[in-house]
N, C-alpha and C. Protein backbone atom coordinates (compact mmCIF):
# COMPACT_ATOMS: atom_id res chain seq x y z
N MET A 1 0.87 -1.20 0.03
CA MET A 1 -0.02 -0.03 0.03
C MET A 1 0.88 1.25 0.00
N SER A 2 0.72 2.09 -0.96
CA SER A 2 1.54 3.31 -1.03
C SER A 2 1.09 4.31 0.08
N SER A 3 2.00 5.20 0.43
CA SER A 3 1.77 6.12 1.42
C SER A 3 0.50 6.97 1.05
N LEU A 4 0.39 7.38 -0.18
CA LEU A 4 -0.70 8.16 -0.62
C LEU A 4 -2.02 7.46 -0.48
N GLN A 5 -1.99 6.15 -0.88
CA GLN A 5 -3.29 5.37 -0.79
C GLN A 5 -3.65 5.23 0.73
N PHE A 6 -2.69 4.94 1.54
CA PHE A 6 -2.91 4.83 2.99
C PHE A 6 -3.48 6.11 3.53
N ASN A 7 -2.86 7.20 3.22
CA ASN A 7 -3.36 8.49 3.73
C ASN A 7 -4.74 8.79 3.27
N ALA A 8 -5.09 8.35 1.98
CA ALA A 8 -6.46 8.57 1.45
C ALA A 8 -7.53 7.82 2.31
N VAL A 9 -7.15 6.55 2.70
CA VAL A 9 -8.05 5.75 3.51
C VAL A 9 -8.19 6.50 4.95
N LEU A 10 -7.02 6.95 5.50
CA LEU A 10 -7.15 7.65 6.75
C LEU A 10 -8.03 8.86 6.66
N LEU A 11 -7.94 9.62 5.64
CA LEU A 11 -8.71 10.79 5.42
C LEU A 11 -10.29 10.41 5.33
N GLU A 12 -10.51 9.35 4.55
CA GLU A 12 -11.89 8.92 4.48
C GLU A 12 -12.41 8.48 5.87
N ILE A 13 -11.61 7.83 6.68
CA ILE A 13 -12.04 7.40 7.97
C ILE A 13 -12.24 8.60 8.90
N SER A 14 -11.34 9.55 8.85
CA SER A 14 -11.51 10.74 9.60
C SER A 14 -12.78 11.47 9.27
N ASN A 15 -13.18 11.52 7.99
CA ASN A 15 -14.33 12.24 7.62
C ASN A 15 -15.69 11.55 8.07
N GLN A 16 -15.54 10.21 8.34
CA GLN A 16 -16.76 9.48 8.82
C GLN A 16 -16.90 9.37 10.29
N LEU A 17 -15.90 9.87 11.06
CA LEU A 17 -16.03 9.89 12.52
C LEU A 17 -16.88 11.02 13.02
N SER A 18 -17.75 10.83 13.86
CA SER A 18 -18.54 11.91 14.46
C SER A 18 -17.61 12.51 15.56
N ALA A 19 -17.99 13.71 16.09
CA ALA A 19 -17.25 14.45 17.10
C ALA A 19 -17.28 13.56 18.35
N GLU A 20 -18.35 12.89 18.67
CA GLU A 20 -18.39 12.02 19.88
C GLU A 20 -17.45 10.83 19.68
N GLN A 21 -17.47 10.27 18.52
CA GLN A 21 -16.56 9.06 18.30
C GLN A 21 -15.11 9.51 18.44
N LEU A 22 -14.78 10.71 17.92
CA LEU A 22 -13.34 11.19 18.10
C LEU A 22 -13.05 11.32 19.56
N GLU A 23 -14.03 11.88 20.34
CA GLU A 23 -13.75 12.05 21.76
C GLU A 23 -13.50 10.69 22.41
N GLN A 24 -14.31 9.66 21.98
CA GLN A 24 -14.11 8.35 22.53
C GLN A 24 -12.73 7.73 22.25
N ILE A 25 -12.26 8.01 21.01
CA ILE A 25 -10.94 7.51 20.69
C ILE A 25 -9.87 8.27 21.45
N LYS A 26 -10.00 9.55 21.58
CA LYS A 26 -9.12 10.29 22.36
C LYS A 26 -9.04 9.81 23.81
N PHE A 27 -10.07 9.41 24.34
CA PHE A 27 -10.17 8.89 25.75
C PHE A 27 -9.33 7.57 25.73
N LEU A 28 -9.56 6.79 24.77
CA LEU A 28 -8.82 5.50 24.72
C LEU A 28 -7.34 5.68 24.52
N CYS A 29 -6.86 6.88 23.99
CA CYS A 29 -5.46 7.13 23.66
C CYS A 29 -4.75 7.77 24.86
N ARG A 30 -5.37 7.95 25.98
CA ARG A 30 -4.74 8.65 27.01
C ARG A 30 -3.43 8.20 27.44
N ASP A 31 -3.15 6.92 27.30
CA ASP A 31 -1.86 6.31 27.63
C ASP A 31 -0.83 6.50 26.61
N MET A 32 -1.24 6.85 25.39
CA MET A 32 -0.33 6.96 24.22
C MET A 32 0.06 8.51 24.02
N ILE A 33 -0.93 9.39 24.35
CA ILE A 33 -0.74 10.84 23.96
C ILE A 33 -0.95 11.62 25.20
N ARG A 34 -0.05 12.57 25.39
CA ARG A 34 -0.14 13.50 26.57
C ARG A 34 -1.44 14.28 26.54
N LYS A 35 -1.95 14.61 27.69
CA LYS A 35 -3.16 15.33 27.87
C LYS A 35 -3.21 16.60 27.13
N ARG A 36 -2.13 17.37 27.15
CA ARG A 36 -2.05 18.70 26.53
C ARG A 36 -2.23 18.49 25.06
N GLU A 37 -1.58 17.42 24.43
CA GLU A 37 -1.74 17.21 23.02
C GLU A 37 -3.13 16.76 22.70
N LEU A 38 -3.73 15.94 23.53
CA LEU A 38 -5.09 15.44 23.28
C LEU A 38 -6.09 16.63 23.27
N GLU A 39 -5.90 17.64 24.06
CA GLU A 39 -6.80 18.77 24.09
C GLU A 39 -6.74 19.59 22.77
N THR A 40 -5.73 19.43 22.02
CA THR A 40 -5.56 20.24 20.77
C THR A 40 -6.20 19.45 19.56
N ILE A 41 -6.47 18.19 19.71
CA ILE A 41 -7.02 17.35 18.61
C ILE A 41 -8.45 17.60 18.42
N ASP A 42 -8.79 18.02 17.34
CA ASP A 42 -10.24 18.24 16.97
C ASP A 42 -10.67 17.60 15.67
N THR A 43 -9.77 16.85 15.09
CA THR A 43 -10.17 16.05 13.85
C THR A 43 -9.42 14.73 13.95
N GLY A 44 -9.96 13.84 13.15
CA GLY A 44 -9.38 12.44 13.09
C GLY A 44 -7.98 12.54 12.47
N ARG A 45 -7.80 13.52 11.46
CA ARG A 45 -6.51 13.68 10.82
C ARG A 45 -5.44 14.04 11.83
N LYS A 46 -5.68 15.04 12.76
CA LYS A 46 -4.71 15.45 13.72
C LYS A 46 -4.40 14.17 14.57
N LEU A 47 -5.38 13.39 14.98
CA LEU A 47 -5.11 12.25 15.80
C LEU A 47 -4.26 11.29 15.07
N PHE A 48 -4.55 11.03 13.81
CA PHE A 48 -3.77 10.07 13.03
C PHE A 48 -2.29 10.59 12.85
N ASN A 49 -2.09 11.85 12.64
CA ASN A 49 -0.72 12.38 12.53
C ASN A 49 0.03 12.12 13.80
N ILE A 50 -0.61 12.35 14.97
CA ILE A 50 0.15 12.16 16.22
C ILE A 50 0.49 10.69 16.37
N LEU A 51 -0.46 9.74 16.10
CA LEU A 51 -0.27 8.25 16.24
C LEU A 51 0.89 7.86 15.32
N THR A 52 0.93 8.50 14.07
CA THR A 52 1.94 8.16 13.16
C THR A 52 3.34 8.66 13.66
N GLU A 53 3.36 9.79 14.22
CA GLU A 53 4.72 10.35 14.78
C GLU A 53 5.08 9.47 15.91
N ARG A 54 4.20 8.93 16.71
CA ARG A 54 4.54 8.07 17.83
C ARG A 54 4.87 6.57 17.42
N GLY A 55 4.74 6.32 16.10
CA GLY A 55 5.08 5.00 15.65
C GLY A 55 3.93 4.01 15.87
N ARG A 56 2.75 4.53 16.19
CA ARG A 56 1.61 3.64 16.48
C ARG A 56 0.71 3.40 15.22
N LEU A 57 1.04 4.11 14.12
CA LEU A 57 0.29 4.00 12.97
C LEU A 57 1.07 4.07 11.77
N GLY A 58 0.87 3.28 10.78
CA GLY A 58 1.54 3.37 9.50
C GLY A 58 0.87 2.36 8.55
N ALA A 59 1.31 2.42 7.25
CA ALA A 59 0.74 1.51 6.26
C ALA A 59 0.98 0.10 6.63
N ASP A 60 2.09 -0.22 7.32
CA ASP A 60 2.30 -1.59 7.79
C ASP A 60 2.05 -1.77 9.23
N ASN A 61 1.42 -0.84 9.88
CA ASN A 61 1.14 -0.90 11.33
C ASN A 61 -0.20 -0.28 11.65
N LYS A 62 -1.27 -1.04 11.26
CA LYS A 62 -2.63 -0.52 11.38
C LYS A 62 -3.39 -1.10 12.58
N GLU A 63 -2.75 -2.01 13.28
CA GLU A 63 -3.44 -2.81 14.34
C GLU A 63 -4.01 -1.87 15.43
N CYS A 64 -3.20 -0.83 15.85
CA CYS A 64 -3.67 0.10 16.88
C CYS A 64 -4.94 0.81 16.52
N LEU A 65 -5.03 1.37 15.35
CA LEU A 65 -6.09 2.16 14.86
C LEU A 65 -7.35 1.23 14.64
N CYS A 66 -7.09 0.04 14.15
CA CYS A 66 -8.15 -0.91 13.97
C CYS A 66 -8.85 -1.23 15.29
N GLU A 67 -8.02 -1.49 16.27
CA GLU A 67 -8.50 -1.80 17.66
C GLU A 67 -9.32 -0.68 18.18
N LEU A 68 -8.78 0.56 18.05
CA LEU A 68 -9.55 1.73 18.53
C LEU A 68 -10.87 1.91 17.87
N LEU A 69 -10.89 1.65 16.61
CA LEU A 69 -12.15 1.72 15.83
C LEU A 69 -13.13 0.63 16.24
N ARG A 70 -12.66 -0.52 16.56
CA ARG A 70 -13.55 -1.61 17.02
C ARG A 70 -14.03 -1.32 18.39
N GLU A 71 -13.20 -0.60 19.27
CA GLU A 71 -13.66 -0.33 20.70
C GLU A 71 -14.79 0.68 20.68
N ILE A 72 -14.87 1.61 19.67
CA ILE A 72 -15.93 2.54 19.62
C ILE A 72 -17.10 2.06 18.67
N GLN A 73 -17.07 0.77 18.40
CA GLN A 73 -18.12 0.12 17.68
C GLN A 73 -18.16 0.61 16.21
N ARG A 74 -17.01 1.03 15.72
CA ARG A 74 -17.01 1.41 14.17
C ARG A 74 -16.30 0.28 13.48
N HIS A 75 -16.92 -0.96 13.49
CA HIS A 75 -16.30 -2.06 12.80
C HIS A 75 -16.23 -1.87 11.32
N ASP A 76 -17.15 -1.07 10.80
CA ASP A 76 -17.09 -0.78 9.38
C ASP A 76 -15.83 -0.09 8.93
N LEU A 77 -15.42 0.82 9.80
CA LEU A 77 -14.20 1.62 9.47
C LEU A 77 -12.95 0.74 9.64
N SER A 78 -12.98 -0.06 10.71
CA SER A 78 -11.86 -1.00 10.95
C SER A 78 -11.80 -1.95 9.73
N ASP A 79 -12.96 -2.51 9.29
CA ASP A 79 -12.92 -3.45 8.11
C ASP A 79 -12.36 -2.68 6.92
N LYS A 80 -12.81 -1.44 6.69
CA LYS A 80 -12.36 -0.68 5.55
C LYS A 80 -10.83 -0.59 5.54
N LEU A 81 -10.24 -0.35 6.73
CA LEU A 81 -8.79 -0.19 6.79
C LEU A 81 -8.16 -1.58 6.48
N ASN A 82 -8.63 -2.58 7.05
CA ASN A 82 -8.04 -3.97 6.82
C ASN A 82 -8.28 -4.41 5.36
N ARG A 83 -9.57 -4.19 4.86
CA ARG A 83 -9.78 -4.62 3.47
C ARG A 83 -9.02 -3.84 2.43
N PHE A 84 -8.81 -2.61 2.71
CA PHE A 84 -7.99 -1.80 1.73
C PHE A 84 -6.63 -2.37 1.51
N GLU A 85 -5.97 -2.78 2.54
CA GLU A 85 -4.64 -3.40 2.39
C GLU A 85 -4.73 -4.63 1.60
N SER A 86 -5.65 -5.42 1.77
CA SER A 86 -5.71 -6.71 1.02
C SER A 86 -6.03 -6.42 -0.47
N GLN A 87 -6.88 -5.43 -0.66
CA GLN A 87 -7.11 -5.04 -2.08
C GLN A 87 -5.94 -4.41 -2.74
N SER A 88 -5.24 -3.56 -2.07
CA SER A 88 -4.17 -2.84 -2.74
C SER A 88 -2.99 -3.80 -2.92
N GLY A 89 -2.88 -4.90 -2.20
CA GLY A 89 -1.81 -5.70 -2.34
C GLY A 89 -1.80 -6.50 -3.60
N SER A 90 -2.99 -6.54 -4.20
CA SER A 90 -3.16 -7.29 -5.46
C SER A 90 -3.68 -6.39 -6.57
N THR A 91 -2.92 -6.39 -7.66
CA THR A 91 -3.36 -5.52 -8.79
C THR A 91 -4.40 -6.27 -9.59
N ASP A 92 -4.52 -7.61 -9.46
CA ASP A 92 -5.48 -8.38 -10.25
C ASP A 92 -6.69 -8.76 -9.37
N ASN A 93 -7.23 -7.76 -8.65
CA ASN A 93 -8.39 -8.08 -7.79
C ASN A 93 -9.69 -7.55 -8.32
N GLN A 94 -9.73 -7.37 -9.61
CA GLN A 94 -10.95 -6.85 -10.23
C GLN A 94 -11.35 -7.81 -11.33
N PRO A 95 -12.69 -7.93 -11.58
CA PRO A 95 -13.18 -8.72 -12.73
C PRO A 95 -12.57 -8.14 -14.10
N ASP A 96 -12.71 -8.89 -15.11
CA ASP A 96 -12.11 -8.49 -16.34
C ASP A 96 -13.11 -7.35 -16.93
N ASP A 97 -12.71 -6.65 -17.97
CA ASP A 97 -13.48 -5.46 -18.44
C ASP A 97 -14.91 -5.87 -18.91
N GLU A 98 -15.01 -7.05 -19.47
CA GLU A 98 -16.36 -7.46 -19.94
C GLU A 98 -17.27 -7.63 -18.73
N GLU A 99 -16.81 -8.31 -17.64
CA GLU A 99 -17.64 -8.56 -16.45
C GLU A 99 -17.84 -7.23 -15.72
N LYS A 100 -16.90 -6.33 -15.75
CA LYS A 100 -17.08 -4.99 -15.12
C LYS A 100 -18.22 -4.29 -15.77
N ALA A 101 -18.28 -4.32 -17.11
CA ALA A 101 -19.36 -3.70 -17.88
C ALA A 101 -20.75 -4.31 -17.52
N LYS A 102 -20.74 -5.64 -17.42
CA LYS A 102 -22.00 -6.30 -17.00
C LYS A 102 -22.42 -5.89 -15.65
N LEU A 103 -21.44 -5.84 -14.73
CA LEU A 103 -21.76 -5.47 -13.26
C LEU A 103 -22.24 -4.07 -13.28
N ASP A 104 -21.69 -3.11 -14.01
CA ASP A 104 -22.11 -1.73 -14.02
C ASP A 104 -23.59 -1.67 -14.53
N ILE A 105 -23.94 -2.45 -15.55
CA ILE A 105 -25.33 -2.43 -15.98
C ILE A 105 -26.30 -3.01 -14.97
N ALA A 106 -25.86 -4.14 -14.35
CA ALA A 106 -26.67 -4.70 -13.28
C ALA A 106 -26.91 -3.76 -12.12
N THR A 107 -25.78 -3.09 -11.78
CA THR A 107 -25.92 -2.02 -10.69
C THR A 107 -26.91 -0.96 -10.99
N GLU A 108 -26.81 -0.51 -12.23
CA GLU A 108 -27.81 0.51 -12.69
C GLU A 108 -29.23 0.07 -12.56
N VAL A 109 -29.54 -1.16 -13.09
CA VAL A 109 -30.89 -1.72 -13.11
C VAL A 109 -31.34 -1.98 -11.70
N ILE A 110 -30.54 -2.57 -10.89
CA ILE A 110 -30.86 -2.95 -9.52
C ILE A 110 -31.20 -1.65 -8.71
N SER A 111 -30.35 -0.72 -8.83
CA SER A 111 -30.45 0.58 -8.06
C SER A 111 -31.81 1.28 -8.46
N GLU A 112 -32.23 1.12 -9.67
CA GLU A 112 -33.51 1.82 -10.13
C GLU A 112 -34.71 1.06 -9.67
N ASN A 113 -34.55 -0.24 -9.38
CA ASN A 113 -35.73 -1.08 -9.11
C ASN A 113 -35.84 -1.69 -7.76
N LEU A 114 -34.76 -1.68 -6.86
CA LEU A 114 -34.74 -2.36 -5.65
C LEU A 114 -35.64 -1.81 -4.62
N GLY A 115 -35.60 -0.51 -4.38
CA GLY A 115 -36.46 0.12 -3.41
C GLY A 115 -36.13 -0.15 -1.95
N LYS A 116 -37.12 -0.24 -1.05
CA LYS A 116 -36.97 -0.31 0.37
C LYS A 116 -36.34 -1.62 0.88
N SER A 117 -36.40 -2.61 0.07
CA SER A 117 -35.95 -3.94 0.45
C SER A 117 -34.45 -4.22 0.17
N TRP A 118 -33.62 -3.12 0.06
CA TRP A 118 -32.27 -3.29 -0.31
C TRP A 118 -31.46 -4.04 0.73
N ARG A 119 -31.88 -4.03 2.05
CA ARG A 119 -31.15 -4.70 3.13
C ARG A 119 -31.23 -6.31 2.91
N LYS A 120 -32.38 -6.71 2.48
CA LYS A 120 -32.54 -8.13 2.31
C LYS A 120 -31.55 -8.67 1.20
N LEU A 121 -31.44 -7.89 0.16
CA LEU A 121 -30.43 -8.27 -0.91
C LEU A 121 -29.04 -8.20 -0.28
N GLY A 122 -28.73 -7.19 0.49
CA GLY A 122 -27.44 -7.05 1.08
C GLY A 122 -27.03 -8.23 1.90
N ARG A 123 -28.01 -8.64 2.77
CA ARG A 123 -27.83 -9.87 3.65
C ARG A 123 -27.52 -11.11 2.78
N LYS A 124 -28.32 -11.27 1.71
CA LYS A 124 -28.17 -12.39 0.76
C LYS A 124 -26.79 -12.45 0.11
N LEU A 125 -26.26 -11.16 -0.18
CA LEU A 125 -24.92 -11.08 -0.77
C LEU A 125 -23.82 -11.26 0.24
N GLY A 126 -24.15 -11.29 1.54
CA GLY A 126 -23.07 -11.51 2.56
C GLY A 126 -22.60 -10.31 3.29
N LEU A 127 -23.25 -9.21 3.09
CA LEU A 127 -22.79 -8.01 3.88
C LEU A 127 -23.28 -8.08 5.33
N THR A 128 -22.51 -7.62 6.16
CA THR A 128 -22.91 -7.57 7.62
C THR A 128 -23.88 -6.50 7.89
N ASP A 129 -24.62 -6.65 9.04
CA ASP A 129 -25.56 -5.65 9.43
C ASP A 129 -24.85 -4.38 9.78
N VAL A 130 -23.59 -4.48 10.23
CA VAL A 130 -22.94 -3.19 10.59
C VAL A 130 -22.64 -2.45 9.25
N LYS A 131 -22.29 -3.15 8.16
CA LYS A 131 -22.04 -2.51 6.92
C LYS A 131 -23.24 -1.96 6.35
N LEU A 132 -24.40 -2.66 6.47
CA LEU A 132 -25.70 -2.20 5.96
C LEU A 132 -26.14 -0.91 6.70
N GLU A 133 -25.94 -0.91 8.09
CA GLU A 133 -26.27 0.20 8.81
C GLU A 133 -25.36 1.47 8.42
N SER A 134 -24.15 1.17 8.17
CA SER A 134 -23.22 2.32 7.72
C SER A 134 -23.74 2.85 6.36
N ILE A 135 -24.16 2.07 5.50
CA ILE A 135 -24.72 2.57 4.14
C ILE A 135 -26.00 3.34 4.40
N TYR A 136 -26.85 2.81 5.28
CA TYR A 136 -28.08 3.59 5.54
C TYR A 136 -27.75 4.96 6.19
N LYS A 137 -26.78 5.07 7.06
CA LYS A 137 -26.42 6.34 7.69
C LYS A 137 -25.90 7.33 6.77
N ARG A 138 -25.19 6.79 5.72
CA ARG A 138 -24.69 7.73 4.71
C ARG A 138 -25.69 8.30 3.73
N HIS A 139 -26.75 7.44 3.50
CA HIS A 139 -27.74 7.91 2.56
C HIS A 139 -29.17 7.54 3.06
N PRO A 140 -29.57 8.17 4.18
CA PRO A 140 -30.81 7.75 4.85
C PRO A 140 -32.09 8.06 4.03
N THR A 141 -32.04 8.95 3.08
CA THR A 141 -33.24 9.21 2.29
C THR A 141 -33.16 8.90 0.84
N GLU A 142 -32.06 8.31 0.49
CA GLU A 142 -31.83 8.03 -1.03
C GLU A 142 -31.69 6.59 -1.30
N LEU A 143 -32.87 5.97 -1.64
CA LEU A 143 -32.91 4.42 -1.84
C LEU A 143 -31.98 4.08 -2.93
N GLU A 144 -31.96 4.82 -4.05
CA GLU A 144 -31.03 4.37 -5.17
C GLU A 144 -29.63 4.40 -4.78
N GLU A 145 -29.22 5.46 -3.99
CA GLU A 145 -27.80 5.66 -3.54
C GLU A 145 -27.44 4.45 -2.55
N MET A 146 -28.43 4.09 -1.73
CA MET A 146 -28.16 2.97 -0.83
C MET A 146 -27.91 1.66 -1.65
N ALA A 147 -28.72 1.45 -2.69
CA ALA A 147 -28.57 0.20 -3.47
C ALA A 147 -27.19 0.28 -4.21
N VAL A 148 -26.82 1.39 -4.75
CA VAL A 148 -25.54 1.57 -5.43
C VAL A 148 -24.37 1.34 -4.44
N GLU A 149 -24.48 1.88 -3.28
CA GLU A 149 -23.39 1.70 -2.25
C GLU A 149 -23.31 0.26 -1.83
N LEU A 150 -24.42 -0.34 -1.66
CA LEU A 150 -24.50 -1.80 -1.34
C LEU A 150 -23.79 -2.63 -2.37
N LEU A 151 -24.00 -2.34 -3.62
CA LEU A 151 -23.42 -3.21 -4.67
C LEU A 151 -21.92 -2.83 -4.79
N LYS A 152 -21.50 -1.59 -4.46
CA LYS A 152 -20.13 -1.30 -4.55
C LYS A 152 -19.39 -2.05 -3.50
N GLU A 153 -19.98 -2.09 -2.26
CA GLU A 153 -19.38 -2.84 -1.17
C GLU A 153 -19.26 -4.31 -1.47
N TRP A 154 -20.36 -4.84 -2.07
CA TRP A 154 -20.26 -6.25 -2.49
C TRP A 154 -19.12 -6.55 -3.46
N ARG A 155 -19.06 -5.56 -4.43
CA ARG A 155 -17.95 -5.86 -5.48
C ARG A 155 -16.57 -5.69 -4.86
N LYS A 156 -16.39 -4.85 -3.84
CA LYS A 156 -15.12 -4.77 -3.13
C LYS A 156 -14.76 -6.06 -2.48
N ILE A 157 -15.80 -6.57 -1.80
CA ILE A 157 -15.56 -7.81 -1.00
C ILE A 157 -15.24 -9.01 -1.96
N ARG A 158 -15.99 -9.11 -3.01
CA ARG A 158 -15.84 -10.21 -3.92
C ARG A 158 -14.65 -10.03 -4.82
N GLY A 159 -14.26 -8.80 -5.12
CA GLY A 159 -13.08 -8.54 -5.97
C GLY A 159 -13.23 -9.16 -7.34
N ALA A 160 -12.16 -9.86 -7.81
CA ALA A 160 -12.17 -10.51 -9.09
C ALA A 160 -13.27 -11.58 -9.33
N GLU A 161 -13.82 -12.07 -8.13
CA GLU A 161 -14.86 -13.08 -8.15
C GLU A 161 -16.20 -12.60 -8.36
N ALA A 162 -16.47 -11.26 -8.40
CA ALA A 162 -17.76 -10.67 -8.55
C ALA A 162 -18.35 -11.00 -9.96
N ARG A 163 -19.55 -11.53 -9.96
CA ARG A 163 -20.23 -12.00 -11.25
C ARG A 163 -21.64 -11.58 -11.21
N THR A 164 -22.08 -11.15 -12.43
CA THR A 164 -23.55 -10.74 -12.53
C THR A 164 -24.47 -11.95 -12.26
N GLU A 165 -23.92 -13.23 -12.64
CA GLU A 165 -24.78 -14.36 -12.32
C GLU A 165 -25.09 -14.50 -10.85
N GLU A 166 -24.10 -14.16 -9.99
CA GLU A 166 -24.26 -14.18 -8.58
C GLU A 166 -25.38 -13.18 -8.11
N LEU A 167 -25.28 -11.99 -8.73
CA LEU A 167 -26.29 -11.00 -8.34
C LEU A 167 -27.65 -11.44 -8.74
N ILE A 168 -27.84 -12.00 -9.95
CA ILE A 168 -29.14 -12.49 -10.37
C ILE A 168 -29.63 -13.59 -9.51
N LYS A 169 -28.72 -14.48 -9.16
CA LYS A 169 -29.14 -15.61 -8.28
C LYS A 169 -29.58 -15.04 -6.86
N ALA A 170 -28.90 -14.02 -6.30
CA ALA A 170 -29.27 -13.46 -5.07
C ALA A 170 -30.60 -12.76 -5.16
N LEU A 171 -30.91 -12.03 -6.28
CA LEU A 171 -32.16 -11.40 -6.55
C LEU A 171 -33.25 -12.41 -6.49
N ARG A 172 -33.13 -13.56 -7.26
CA ARG A 172 -34.12 -14.59 -7.27
C ARG A 172 -34.31 -15.20 -5.95
N ALA A 173 -33.28 -15.42 -5.16
CA ALA A 173 -33.39 -15.99 -3.83
C ALA A 173 -34.16 -15.09 -2.89
N CYS A 174 -34.16 -13.80 -3.13
CA CYS A 174 -34.93 -12.80 -2.39
C CYS A 174 -36.36 -12.63 -2.92
N GLN A 175 -36.69 -13.36 -3.97
CA GLN A 175 -38.00 -13.26 -4.62
C GLN A 175 -38.12 -11.95 -5.46
N TYR A 176 -36.99 -11.34 -5.84
CA TYR A 176 -37.06 -10.13 -6.69
C TYR A 176 -36.84 -10.56 -8.10
N ASN A 177 -37.81 -11.42 -8.55
CA ASN A 177 -37.68 -11.97 -9.92
C ASN A 177 -37.83 -10.92 -11.05
N LEU A 178 -38.76 -10.00 -10.81
CA LEU A 178 -38.94 -8.92 -11.84
C LEU A 178 -37.65 -8.10 -12.07
N THR A 179 -36.91 -7.78 -10.90
CA THR A 179 -35.67 -7.05 -11.09
C THR A 179 -34.56 -7.97 -11.76
N ALA A 180 -34.57 -9.22 -11.39
CA ALA A 180 -33.63 -10.15 -11.95
C ALA A 180 -33.88 -10.24 -13.53
N ASP A 181 -35.19 -10.30 -13.81
CA ASP A 181 -35.54 -10.38 -15.26
C ASP A 181 -35.12 -9.10 -16.00
N LYS A 182 -35.26 -7.94 -15.41
CA LYS A 182 -34.85 -6.69 -15.98
C LYS A 182 -33.41 -6.73 -16.24
N VAL A 183 -32.61 -7.17 -15.23
CA VAL A 183 -31.16 -7.24 -15.40
C VAL A 183 -30.75 -8.11 -16.60
N GLU A 184 -31.31 -9.22 -16.63
CA GLU A 184 -31.09 -10.20 -17.68
C GLU A 184 -31.47 -9.60 -19.05
N HIS A 185 -32.65 -8.98 -19.04
CA HIS A 185 -32.99 -8.30 -20.34
C HIS A 185 -32.06 -7.22 -20.86
N ARG A 186 -31.65 -6.38 -19.92
CA ARG A 186 -30.64 -5.28 -20.23
C ARG A 186 -29.37 -5.84 -20.69
N LEU A 187 -28.86 -6.90 -20.09
CA LEU A 187 -27.62 -7.50 -20.52
C LEU A 187 -27.74 -8.16 -21.83
N ALA A 188 -28.95 -8.73 -22.11
CA ALA A 188 -29.09 -9.39 -23.49
C ALA A 188 -29.23 -8.44 -24.59
N THR A 189 -29.64 -7.12 -24.28
CA THR A 189 -29.89 -6.16 -25.33
C THR A 189 -28.84 -5.12 -25.41
N ARG A 190 -27.72 -5.32 -24.70
CA ARG A 190 -26.67 -4.27 -24.72
C ARG A 190 -25.82 -4.38 -25.98
């Protein structure tokens, strides 16, 4: 994982921390960071900089931050940090271009048709309830965006193994046959 990629993940995590969650992490860091320094920290970025300076955080040393995130019940962010390393370690972790195009079409159709039952599909695809809740919190009133985010997360998890056939099978298992039919029709007419 390059330094730039690692810092981008840290920035994303920082942006997703609420003020209360940041305070909780600071409380947990009392043995690592002096009180005076803790008082000056008002963003996740500042905290991550100090942890890096102390040798507690780095691209090859994420365990401390992962544990802190788990302690404040942000398993989704801890997973993001762990998953990013495993994805960036492999350059061949994406489906081929043909399958990517099919998945993009399927994502478009599903997001247009899924509606309020998006969580059921997410569970069928193997996403955790924590991940589903995180998606909901980011897009509480936008059903299409929730569906798009759900499918992005599934694609990240599956990597090169992501297949449209798997999506169609999950849709049918959830009794979303009309949506599955629409995906198949759009793929056949492209």
